[in-house]
Every structure is written in C-alpha cells, then in structure tokens.
Amino acid sequence: MRIGIYSGSFDPIHSGHAMLANFVAQSGEVDEVWLMVSPLNPLKQGTHPAADAHRLQMVDLVAKECEGVRTSDFELSLPVPSYTYTTLCRLREAFPQHSFRIIIGSDNWKVIDRWRNADKIIDEFGIIIYPRPGYEITFPLPDKVTYLQDAPTVELSSTFIRNLLKTGKNINYFVPIAVSDYIRQNNLYS
C-alpha cells in the first residue's frame, strides 16, 4: 500500500488537520493517510506539547471518523528529536510491504532545504504538498513531489486554539466536537 505520512505535534489536532487528512486519503495519491503524532519538531524548540497519550487520543478521535485515515504512534518510540528521514527509514524497515510519502504544507516546502536529508526524503520516498495561504509553489517540482492544488486551505493553528482555551473561550467548529469534549473532560490547555 501507498501510505501518506501526515506528521505533526497535533497539539491539539484541529478541523484543518482533519479536512486535509480526509482530502489526501481520497486524492488517489495514497491508499491511506497515517496521522503520526510527533514528540517534538526540531524546528520548534522551546515548546512543550500536551502529553503524548492525550495528543494520540485526540488524533485517534479524528482518524476514526475519516475513511482511509489511521492513527500512528510510531514516531513516539523513536529518539528525540525526531527527523523525518530517520522516521521514514524506520517505517520502511518496519513495514517493507508499504511505500511511504510525507505530506507537508507549502510553507514547509519553502524551508525544505533546512530539513535534514531533504534530498534523500524526496529521492527515496517522495512528498505530497498541500497549499498554505501566502506560500506559493514554484514549478517545475522535482520528480516524486506532487502538489495538491485543490486541497482545502484553512487559516487555523493549534496555537490559536490553545490561546482561545487559555482565555476561556469556546473552540466550537475549530476542532471536531469529539476533540473539544476530550479537551474539556481532561482539562487540557487551560
């Protein structure tokens, strides 16, 4: 199977993440999307996400509602900081029956040269890019890089949601209702 790896801290996962995972799963570019919870993004030092178990549970609530979308805790077992190329190589070893591509926004594509082993990621695995407002793509793209120009764009971030919660505001429609309920029940981000 062709697996699209959509990795992130998902702190918390929000409706934009869910919409994109659902869209990519139906795009024909992959057979499944794995929402992979990351322990810490090396480019986002100084942040302290919610506990892995909480983030994983919130991602699972979303994945259960999207056909062809699965939850993965694979990266949580790898050394920190986790680098995409290392994760992809470990996935290839653990699941030789699958091929893997990463899913990133056009904002990340603009800084792909800052990623460790970026050329190897492209050559050995491939990348699926989705649009992010303000980050235009320059063509032509390298082989094994696909741009899903019709993917939905949402101006929404986990930071925005955490800030709403810290100030006592509701997060209706910004996150799926099951995630909102989970956050409230577990008193996260307050």
C-alpha atoms as a PDB file:
ATOM      1  CA  MET A   1       0.000   0.000   0.000  1.00  0.00           C
ATOM      2  CA  ARG A   2       0.990   3.626  -0.566  1.00  0.00           C
ATOM      3  CA  ILE A   3       0.956   5.437   2.768  1.00  0.00           C
ATOM      4  CA  GLY A   4       0.933   9.196   3.199  1.00  0.00           C
ATOM      5  CA  ILE A   5       2.568  10.256   6.453  1.00  0.00           C
ATOM      6  CA  TYR A   6       0.989  13.399   7.866  1.00  0.00           C
ATOM      7  CA  SER A   7       3.133  14.099  10.890  1.00  0.00           C
ATOM      8  CA  GLY A   8       2.824  16.798  13.485  1.00  0.00           C
ATOM      9  CA  SER A   9       2.566  17.646  17.135  1.00  0.00           C
ATOM     10  CA  PHE A  10      -1.243  17.882  16.767  1.00  0.00           C
ATOM     11  CA  ASP A  11      -1.384  19.920  19.962  1.00  0.00           C
ATOM     12  CA  PRO A  12      -4.377  19.777  19.554  1.00  0.00           C
ATOM     13  CA  ILE A  13      -5.452  18.331  16.235  1.00  0.00           C
ATOM     14  CA  HIS A  14      -7.948  20.715  14.641  1.00  0.00           C
ATOM     15  CA  SER A  15     -10.538  20.777  11.874  1.00  0.00           C
ATOM     16  CA  GLY A  16      -7.981  21.923   9.283  1.00  0.00           C
ATOM     17  CA  HIS A  17      -5.831  18.856  10.002  1.00  0.00           C
ATOM     18  CA  ALA A  18      -8.895  16.610   9.780  1.00  0.00           C
ATOM     19  CA  MET A  19     -10.089  18.143   6.490  1.00  0.00           C
ATOM     20  CA  LEU A  20      -6.682  17.787   4.899  1.00  0.00           C
ATOM     21  CA  ALA A  21      -6.151  14.182   6.030  1.00  0.00           C
ATOM     22  CA  ASN A  22      -9.594  13.294   4.681  1.00  0.00           C
ATOM     23  CA  PHE A  23      -8.876  15.071   1.369  1.00  0.00           C
ATOM     24  CA  VAL A  24      -5.474  13.407   0.837  1.00  0.00           C
ATOM     25  CA  ALA A  25      -6.885   9.973   1.712  1.00  0.00           C
ATOM     26  CA  GLN A  26      -9.395  10.420  -1.130  1.00  0.00           C
ATOM     27  CA  SER A  27      -6.984  12.067  -3.594  1.00  0.00           C
ATOM     28  CA  GLY A  28      -5.734   8.878  -5.237  1.00  0.00           C
ATOM     29  CA  GLU A  29      -2.128   9.778  -4.367  1.00  0.00           C
ATOM     30  CA  VAL A  30      -2.089   7.307  -1.447  1.00  0.00           C
ATOM     31  CA  ASP A  31      -4.102   4.364  -0.200  1.00  0.00           C
ATOM     32  CA  GLU A  32      -4.062   5.539   3.417  1.00  0.00           C
ATOM     33  CA  VAL A  33      -3.012   8.541   5.444  1.00  0.00           C
ATOM     34  CA  TRP A  34      -1.310   7.903   8.756  1.00  0.00           C
ATOM     35  CA  LEU A  35      -1.676  10.765  11.217  1.00  0.00           C
ATOM     36  CA  MET A  36       1.642  10.429  13.026  1.00  0.00           C
ATOM     37  CA  VAL A  37       1.956  12.157  16.370  1.00  0.00           C
ATOM     38  CA  SER A  38       5.440  13.620  16.783  1.00  0.00           C
ATOM     39  CA  PRO A  39       7.164  14.075  20.120  1.00  0.00           C
ATOM     40  CA  LEU A  40       8.910  17.346  19.228  1.00  0.00           C
ATOM     41  CA  ASN A  41       9.571  19.164  15.970  1.00  0.00           C
ATOM     42  CA  PRO A  42      13.298  20.008  15.808  1.00  0.00           C
ATOM     43  CA  LEU A  43      12.389  23.334  14.159  1.00  0.00           C
ATOM     44  CA  LYS A  44      10.055  24.254  17.040  1.00  0.00           C
ATOM     45  CA  GLN A  45      12.406  24.151  20.012  1.00  0.00           C
ATOM     46  CA  GLY A  46      11.189  25.595  23.297  1.00  0.00           C
ATOM     47  CA  THR A  47       7.637  24.270  23.048  1.00  0.00           C
ATOM     48  CA  HIS A  48       6.117  21.789  25.472  1.00  0.00           C
ATOM     49  CA  PRO A  49       3.196  19.901  23.945  1.00  0.00           C
ATOM     50  CA  ALA A  50       0.449  18.136  25.876  1.00  0.00           C
ATOM     51  CA  ALA A  51       1.246  14.594  26.966  1.00  0.00           C
ATOM     52  CA  ASP A  52       1.773  12.141  24.116  1.00  0.00           C
ATOM     53  CA  ALA A  53      -1.138   9.970  25.294  1.00  0.00           C
ATOM     54  CA  HIS A  54      -3.550  12.917  25.136  1.00  0.00           C
ATOM     55  CA  ARG A  55      -2.413  14.040  21.684  1.00  0.00           C
ATOM     56  CA  LEU A  56      -2.569  10.468  20.409  1.00  0.00           C
ATOM     57  CA  GLN A  57      -6.086  10.018  21.766  1.00  0.00           C
ATOM     58  CA  MET A  58      -7.301  13.259  20.149  1.00  0.00           C
ATOM     59  CA  VAL A  59      -5.793  12.200  16.801  1.00  0.00           C
ATOM     60  CA  ASP A  60      -7.481   8.823  17.130  1.00  0.00           C
ATOM     61  CA  LEU A  61     -10.857  10.512  17.635  1.00  0.00           C
ATOM     62  CA  VAL A  62     -10.380  12.257  14.281  1.00  0.00           C
ATOM     63  CA  ALA A  63      -8.978   9.245  12.410  1.00  0.00           C
ATOM     64  CA  LYS A  64     -11.959   7.100  13.390  1.00  0.00           C
ATOM     65  CA  GLU A  65     -14.236   9.499  11.509  1.00  0.00           C
ATOM     66  CA  CYS A  66     -12.253   9.556   8.235  1.00  0.00           C
ATOM     67  CA  GLU A  67     -12.159   6.565   5.914  1.00  0.00           C
ATOM     68  CA  GLY A  68      -8.605   5.729   4.910  1.00  0.00           C
ATOM     69  CA  VAL A  69      -7.079   7.683   7.805  1.00  0.00           C
ATOM     70  CA  ARG A  70      -5.244   5.922  10.635  1.00  0.00           C
ATOM     71  CA  THR A  71      -3.506   6.972  13.840  1.00  0.00           C
ATOM     72  CA  SER A  72       0.182   6.183  14.267  1.00  0.00           C
ATOM     73  CA  ASP A  73       2.295   6.355  17.409  1.00  0.00           C
ATOM     74  CA  PHE A  74       5.352   5.084  15.528  1.00  0.00           C
ATOM     75  CA  GLU A  75       7.396   8.271  15.880  1.00  0.00           C
ATOM     76  CA  LEU A  76       6.803   8.443  19.638  1.00  0.00           C
ATOM     77  CA  SER A  77       9.061   5.402  20.091  1.00  0.00           C
ATOM     78  CA  LEU A  78      11.986   6.994  18.213  1.00  0.00           C
ATOM     79  CA  PRO A  79      14.772   9.065  19.795  1.00  0.00           C
ATOM     80  CA  VAL A  80      14.113  12.775  20.271  1.00  0.00           C
ATOM     81  CA  PRO A  81      14.487  14.966  18.354  1.00  0.00           C
ATOM     82  CA  SER A  82      12.856  13.041  15.550  1.00  0.00           C
ATOM     83  CA  TYR A  83      13.922  13.753  11.999  1.00  0.00           C
ATOM     84  CA  THR A  84      11.659  12.944   9.074  1.00  0.00           C
ATOM     85  CA  TYR A  85      14.247  10.991   7.097  1.00  0.00           C
ATOM     86  CA  THR A  86      15.045   8.760  10.084  1.00  0.00           C
ATOM     87  CA  THR A  87      11.346   8.163  10.684  1.00  0.00           C
ATOM     88  CA  LEU A  88      10.745   7.255   7.040  1.00  0.00           C
ATOM     89  CA  CYS A  89      13.711   4.859   7.017  1.00  0.00           C
ATOM     90  CA  ARG A  90      12.455   3.167  10.188  1.00  0.00           C
ATOM     91  CA  LEU A  91       8.961   2.908   8.706  1.00  0.00           C
ATOM     92  CA  ARG A  92      10.402   1.294   5.561  1.00  0.00           C
ATOM     93  CA  GLU A  93      12.234  -1.255   7.741  1.00  0.00           C
ATOM     94  CA  ALA A  94       9.186  -1.976   9.922  1.00  0.00           C
ATOM     95  CA  PHE A  95       6.669  -2.113   7.055  1.00  0.00           C
ATOM     96  CA  PRO A  96       8.507  -3.293   3.918  1.00  0.00           C
ATOM     97  CA  GLN A  97       5.172  -4.107   2.253  1.00  0.00           C
ATOM     98  CA  HIS A  98       4.307  -0.384   2.109  1.00  0.00           C
ATOM     99  CA  SER A  99       5.741   2.651   0.350  1.00  0.00           C
ATOM    100  CA  PHE A 100       5.751   5.974   2.177  1.00  0.00           C
ATOM    101  CA  ARG A 101       5.442   9.644   1.201  1.00  0.00           C
ATOM    102  CA  ILE A 102       5.282  12.597   3.515  1.00  0.00           C
ATOM    103  CA  ILE A 103       2.535  15.189   3.419  1.00  0.00           C
ATOM    104  CA  ILE A 104       3.610  18.793   4.061  1.00  0.00           C
ATOM    105  CA  GLY A 105       2.248  22.266   3.555  1.00  0.00           C
ATOM    106  CA  SER A 106       3.651  24.688   1.012  1.00  0.00           C
ATOM    107  CA  ASP A 107       5.049  26.663   3.978  1.00  0.00           C
ATOM    108  CA  ASN A 108       7.258  23.681   4.864  1.00  0.00           C
ATOM    109  CA  TRP A 109       8.178  23.167   1.217  1.00  0.00           C
ATOM    110  CA  LYS A 110       9.639  26.686   1.241  1.00  0.00           C
ATOM    111  CA  VAL A 111      12.062  25.640   4.013  1.00  0.00           C
ATOM    112  CA  ILE A 112      12.671  22.050   2.929  1.00  0.00           C
ATOM    113  CA  ASP A 113      16.346  22.902   2.467  1.00  0.00           C
ATOM    114  CA  ARG A 114      16.555  23.296   6.279  1.00  0.00           C
ATOM    115  CA  TRP A 115      15.382  19.714   6.773  1.00  0.00           C
ATOM    116  CA  ARG A 116      17.978  17.065   7.494  1.00  0.00           C
ATOM    117  CA  ASN A 117      18.479  14.837   4.408  1.00  0.00           C
ATOM    118  CA  ALA A 118      15.857  16.693   2.368  1.00  0.00           C
ATOM    119  CA  ASP A 119      17.219  15.344  -0.935  1.00  0.00           C
ATOM    120  CA  LYS A 120      17.053  11.774   0.341  1.00  0.00           C
ATOM    121  CA  ILE A 121      13.472  12.291   1.537  1.00  0.00           C
ATOM    122  CA  ILE A 122      12.493  13.399  -1.962  1.00  0.00           C
ATOM    123  CA  ASP A 123      14.511  10.758  -3.852  1.00  0.00           C
ATOM    124  CA  GLU A 124      13.757   7.751  -1.659  1.00  0.00           C
ATOM    125  CA  PHE A 125      10.201   8.493  -0.535  1.00  0.00           C
ATOM    126  CA  GLY A 126       8.527  11.481  -2.155  1.00  0.00           C
ATOM    127  CA  ILE A 127       6.464  14.385  -0.932  1.00  0.00           C
ATOM    128  CA  ILE A 128       2.854  15.453  -1.261  1.00  0.00           C
ATOM    129  CA  ILE A 129       2.435  19.217  -0.832  1.00  0.00           C
ATOM    130  CA  TYR A 130      -0.817  20.941   0.081  1.00  0.00           C
ATOM    131  CA  PRO A 131      -1.358  24.703  -0.318  1.00  0.00           C
ATOM    132  CA  ARG A 132      -0.955  27.135   2.555  1.00  0.00           C
ATOM    133  CA  PRO A 133      -2.066  30.753   2.063  1.00  0.00           C
ATOM    134  CA  GLY A 134       0.859  33.052   1.349  1.00  0.00           C
ATOM    135  CA  TYR A 135       3.245  30.278   0.307  1.00  0.00           C
ATOM    136  CA  GLU A 136       3.162  29.906  -3.458  1.00  0.00           C
ATOM    137  CA  ILE A 137       4.842  26.946  -5.143  1.00  0.00           C
ATOM    138  CA  THR A 138       7.445  27.395  -7.865  1.00  0.00           C
ATOM    139  CA  PHE A 139       7.255  24.954 -10.769  1.00  0.00           C
ATOM    140  CA  PRO A 140       8.524  22.612 -12.041  1.00  0.00           C
ATOM    141  CA  LEU A 141       8.703  20.388  -8.989  1.00  0.00           C
ATOM    142  CA  PRO A 142      11.214  17.564  -8.628  1.00  0.00           C
ATOM    143  CA  ASP A 143      10.208  14.021  -9.536  1.00  0.00           C
ATOM    144  CA  LYS A 144       8.337  12.328  -6.669  1.00  0.00           C
ATOM    145  CA  VAL A 145       6.911  15.664  -5.478  1.00  0.00           C
ATOM    146  CA  THR A 146       3.183  16.222  -6.025  1.00  0.00           C
ATOM    147  CA  TYR A 147       1.256  19.423  -5.413  1.00  0.00           C
ATOM    148  CA  LEU A 148      -2.413  19.036  -4.477  1.00  0.00           C
ATOM    149  CA  GLN A 149      -3.505  22.493  -5.559  1.00  0.00           C
ATOM    150  CA  ASP A 150      -7.184  21.746  -4.944  1.00  0.00           C
ATOM    151  CA  ALA A 151      -6.698  20.743  -1.305  1.00  0.00           C
ATOM    152  CA  PRO A 152      -8.719  22.875   1.116  1.00  0.00           C
ATOM    153  CA  THR A 153      -6.926  25.664   2.940  1.00  0.00           C
ATOM    154  CA  VAL A 154      -7.851  26.790   6.421  1.00  0.00           C
ATOM    155  CA  GLU A 155      -6.279  29.638   8.373  1.00  0.00           C
ATOM    156  CA  LEU A 156      -6.215  27.773  11.666  1.00  0.00           C
ATOM    157  CA  SER A 157      -3.456  26.704  14.017  1.00  0.00           C
ATOM    158  CA  SER A 158      -3.119  24.705  17.191  1.00  0.00           C
ATOM    159  CA  THR A 159      -1.521  27.763  18.806  1.00  0.00           C
ATOM    160  CA  PHE A 160      -4.664  29.793  18.038  1.00  0.00           C
ATOM    161  CA  ILE A 161      -6.819  27.081  19.641  1.00  0.00           C
ATOM    162  CA  ARG A 162      -4.616  26.833  22.742  1.00  0.00           C
ATOM    163  CA  ASN A 163      -4.783  30.609  23.138  1.00  0.00           C
ATOM    164  CA  LEU A 164      -8.588  30.549  22.925  1.00  0.00           C
ATOM    165  CA  LEU A 165      -8.699  27.886  25.609  1.00  0.00           C
ATOM    166  CA  LYS A 166      -6.294  29.779  27.886  1.00  0.00           C
ATOM    167  CA  THR A 167      -8.619  32.785  27.780  1.00  0.00           C
ATOM    168  CA  GLY A 168     -11.741  30.729  28.477  1.00  0.00           C
ATOM    169  CA  LYS A 169     -13.253  30.952  25.004  1.00  0.00           C
ATOM    170  CA  ASN A 170     -15.002  28.054  23.311  1.00  0.00           C
ATOM    171  CA  ILE A 171     -13.435  26.203  20.398  1.00  0.00           C
ATOM    172  CA  ASN A 172     -16.613  25.081  18.663  1.00  0.00           C
ATOM    173  CA  TYR A 173     -16.026  24.350  14.962  1.00  0.00           C
ATOM    174  CA  PHE A 174     -12.267  24.907  15.265  1.00  0.00           C
ATOM    175  CA  VAL A 175     -11.828  21.295  16.384  1.00  0.00           C
ATOM    176  CA  PRO A 176     -14.107  18.288  15.872  1.00  0.00           C
ATOM    177  CA  ILE A 177     -16.677  18.001  18.661  1.00  0.00           C
ATOM    178  CA  ALA A 178     -15.119  14.772  19.981  1.00  0.00           C
ATOM    179  CA  VAL A 179     -11.777  16.569  20.366  1.00  0.00           C
ATOM    180  CA  SER A 180     -13.449  19.528  22.089  1.00  0.00           C
ATOM    181  CA  ASP A 181     -15.167  17.137  24.510  1.00  0.00           C
ATOM    182  CA  TYR A 182     -11.883  15.323  25.167  1.00  0.00           C
ATOM    183  CA  ILE A 183     -10.040  18.579  25.886  1.00  0.00           C
ATOM    184  CA  ARG A 184     -12.768  19.687  28.288  1.00  0.00           C
ATOM    185  CA  GLN A 185     -13.014  16.296  30.038  1.00  0.00           C
ATOM    186  CA  ASN A 186      -9.246  16.155  30.556  1.00  0.00           C
ATOM    187  CA  ASN A 187      -8.843  19.853  31.419  1.00  0.00           C
ATOM    188  CA  LEU A 188      -6.183  20.401  28.746  1.00  0.00           C
ATOM    189  CA  TYR A 189      -4.712  23.776  27.759  1.00  0.00           C
ATOM    190  CA  SER A 190      -6.381  25.798  30.474  1.00  0.00           C
END
